[in-house]
C-alpha atoms as a PDB file:
ATOM      1  CA  MET A   1      -0.037   0.297   0.160  1.00  0.00           C
ATOM      2  CA  GLY A   2       2.852   2.312   0.991  1.00  0.00           C
ATOM      3  CA  ASP A   3       5.095   0.976  -2.186  1.00  0.00           C
ATOM      4  CA  ARG A   4       3.238   3.971  -4.281  1.00  0.00           C
ATOM      5  CA  PRO A   5       5.487   6.262  -5.778  1.00  0.00           C
ATOM      6  CA  GLY A   6       4.724   9.666  -5.182  1.00  0.00           C
ATOM      7  CA  PRO A   7       5.502  12.417  -6.614  1.00  0.00           C
ATOM      8  CA  MET A   8       9.329  13.639  -6.537  1.00  0.00           C
ATOM      9  CA  THR A   9      10.536  15.695  -3.845  1.00  0.00           C
ATOM     10  CA  GLY A  10      12.632  18.638  -4.096  1.00  0.00           C
ATOM     11  CA  ARG A  11      15.784  16.645  -3.618  1.00  0.00           C
ATOM     12  CA  ARG A  12      15.405  14.485  -6.292  1.00  0.00           C
ATOM     13  CA  VAL A  13      14.510  17.060  -9.028  1.00  0.00           C
ATOM     14  CA  HIS A  14      17.237  19.138  -7.616  1.00  0.00           C
ATOM     15  CA  ALA A  15      19.704  16.051  -8.325  1.00  0.00           C
ATOM     16  CA  GLU A  16      18.241  15.136 -11.121  1.00  0.00           C
ATOM     17  CA  ARG A  17      18.875  18.685 -12.355  1.00  0.00           C
ATOM     18  CA  ALA A  18      22.828  18.368 -11.310  1.00  0.00           C
ATOM     19  CA  ARG A  19      22.705  15.697 -12.921  1.00  0.00           C
ATOM     20  CA  GLN A  20      21.790  17.308 -16.593  1.00  0.00           C
ATOM     21  CA  MET A  21      23.496  20.400 -15.906  1.00  0.00           C
ATOM     22  CA  THR A  22      26.987  17.935 -15.533  1.00  0.00           C
ATOM     23  CA  LEU A  23      25.930  16.456 -18.863  1.00  0.00           C
ATOM     24  CA  ILE A  24      25.369  19.609 -20.392  1.00  0.00           C
ATOM     25  CA  TYR A  25      28.618  20.875 -19.381  1.00  0.00           C
ATOM     26  CA  ALA A  26      31.039  17.419 -20.460  1.00  0.00           C
ATOM     27  CA  VAL A  27      29.517  18.312 -23.911  1.00  0.00           C
ATOM     28  CA  MET A  28      30.760  21.868 -23.704  1.00  0.00           C
ATOM     29  CA  LEU A  29      34.046  20.796 -23.232  1.00  0.00           C
ATOM     30  CA  CYS A  30      33.705  18.568 -26.073  1.00  0.00           C
ATOM     31  CA  LEU A  31      32.399  21.119 -27.838  1.00  0.00           C
ATOM     32  CA  MET A  32      35.092  23.906 -27.034  1.00  0.00           C
ATOM     33  CA  ILE A  33      38.017  20.963 -27.945  1.00  0.00           C
ATOM     34  CA  LEU A  34      36.622  20.110 -31.209  1.00  0.00           C
ATOM     35  CA  ILE A  35      36.576  23.879 -32.175  1.00  0.00           C
ATOM     36  CA  VAL A  36      39.592  24.105 -30.969  1.00  0.00           C
ATOM     37  CA  ILE A  37      41.184  21.058 -33.347  1.00  0.00           C
ATOM     38  CA  GLN A  38      39.067  22.523 -35.557  1.00  0.00           C
ATOM     39  CA  PHE A  39      41.077  25.866 -35.555  1.00  0.00           C
ATOM     40  CA  LEU A  40      44.410  23.956 -35.250  1.00  0.00           C
ATOM     41  CA  LEU A  41      43.693  22.108 -38.498  1.00  0.00           C
ATOM     42  CA  LEU A  42      42.684  25.461 -40.037  1.00  0.00           C
ATOM     43  CA  MET A  43      46.648  26.580 -39.251  1.00  0.00           C
ATOM     44  CA  VAL A  44      48.132  23.457 -40.470  1.00  0.00           C
ATOM     45  CA  ALA A  45      46.071  23.155 -43.323  1.00  0.00           C
ATOM     46  CA  VAL A  46      47.185  27.548 -44.260  1.00  0.00           C
ATOM     47  CA  ASP A  47      50.614  26.781 -43.082  1.00  0.00           C
ATOM     48  CA  GLY A  48      50.717  23.952 -45.711  1.00  0.00           C
ATOM     49  CA  PHE A  49      49.522  26.089 -48.929  1.00  0.00           C
ATOM     50  CA  MET A  50      51.638  28.796 -48.041  1.00  0.00           C
ATOM     51  CA  GLY A  51      54.729  26.437 -48.256  1.00  0.00           C
ATOM     52  CA  GLY A  52      53.739  25.258 -51.092  1.00  0.00           C
ATOM     53  CA  ARG A  53      52.572  21.901 -49.851  1.00  0.00           C
ATOM     54  CA  GLY A  54      49.433  21.501 -51.033  1.00  0.00           C
ATOM     55  CA  ASP A  55      48.918  18.046 -49.971  1.00  0.00           C
ATOM     56  CA  ILE A  56      47.803  18.729 -46.538  1.00  0.00           C
ATOM     57  CA  LEU A  57      44.725  20.441 -47.837  1.00  0.00           C
ATOM     58  CA  LEU A  58      42.465  16.972 -48.091  1.00  0.00           C
ATOM     59  CA  PRO A  59      43.609  15.368 -44.840  1.00  0.00           C
ATOM     60  CA  ALA A  60      43.146  18.366 -42.528  1.00  0.00           C
ATOM     61  CA  ALA A  61      39.621  18.981 -44.601  1.00  0.00           C
ATOM     62  CA  GLY A  62      38.507  15.672 -43.983  1.00  0.00           C
ATOM     63  CA  ALA A  63      39.735  15.813 -40.352  1.00  0.00           C
ATOM     64  CA  SER A  64      38.226  19.475 -39.804  1.00  0.00           C
ATOM     65  CA  GLY A  65      34.763  17.598 -41.074  1.00  0.00           C
ATOM     66  CA  LEU A  66      34.762  14.300 -38.882  1.00  0.00           C
ATOM     67  CA  CYS A  67      35.011  17.473 -36.081  1.00  0.00           C
ATOM     68  CA  PHE A  68      32.472  19.621 -37.340  1.00  0.00           C
ATOM     69  CA  LEU A  69      29.936  16.038 -37.466  1.00  0.00           C
ATOM     70  CA  ALA A  70      31.281  15.285 -34.256  1.00  0.00           C
ATOM     71  CA  ALA A  71      30.213  18.591 -33.054  1.00  0.00           C
ATOM     72  CA  CYS A  72      26.865  18.061 -34.784  1.00  0.00           C
ATOM     73  CA  TRP A  73      25.786  15.031 -33.322  1.00  0.00           C
ATOM     74  CA  LEU A  74      27.212  16.431 -29.539  1.00  0.00           C
ATOM     75  CA  ILE A  75      25.016  19.162 -30.196  1.00  0.00           C
ATOM     76  CA  ARG A  76      21.462  16.864 -31.366  1.00  0.00           C
ATOM     77  CA  TYR A  77      22.085  14.839 -28.387  1.00  0.00           C
ATOM     78  CA  ILE A  78      21.712  18.370 -26.288  1.00  0.00           C
ATOM     79  CA  ALA A  79      18.586  18.778 -28.631  1.00  0.00           C
ATOM     80  CA  ALA A  80      17.340  15.378 -27.320  1.00  0.00           C
ATOM     81  CA  VAL A  81      17.984  15.882 -23.900  1.00  0.00           C
ATOM     82  CA  GLY A  82      16.499  18.700 -24.237  1.00  0.00           C
ATOM     83  CA  LYS A  83      13.153  17.589 -25.464  1.00  0.00           C
ATOM     84  CA  GLN A  84      13.026  14.534 -22.947  1.00  0.00           C
ATOM     85  CA  ARG A  85      13.464  17.169 -20.158  1.00  0.00           C
ATOM     86  CA  ALA A  86      10.736  19.351 -20.580  1.00  0.00           C
END
C-alpha cells in the first residue's frame, strides 16, 4: 500500500537537474575541444598551403569535417536531452 512512488521531492528534482547540467557542461567542454582542434587544423592547412605543400589540404579538410560531424552529433544529443526534460 505504501509502495507507490510519490511525486518527486525537491531533493530528487535538484539531483536530477544537477545531473543534467553536469552532462550539458561535459558536452560543452567537448565542443570547445573540437573547436580548438578545428582551429589548429585550419592553421596547419594554411601553413602548408603557404609553404607550397598542397598535399596537406585534403587530410586537414577531412579531419575538420569529422570534427564538424562530431560537433553536430553532440549538439543534436543535447537537443534530444532538452526535449526529454521538457
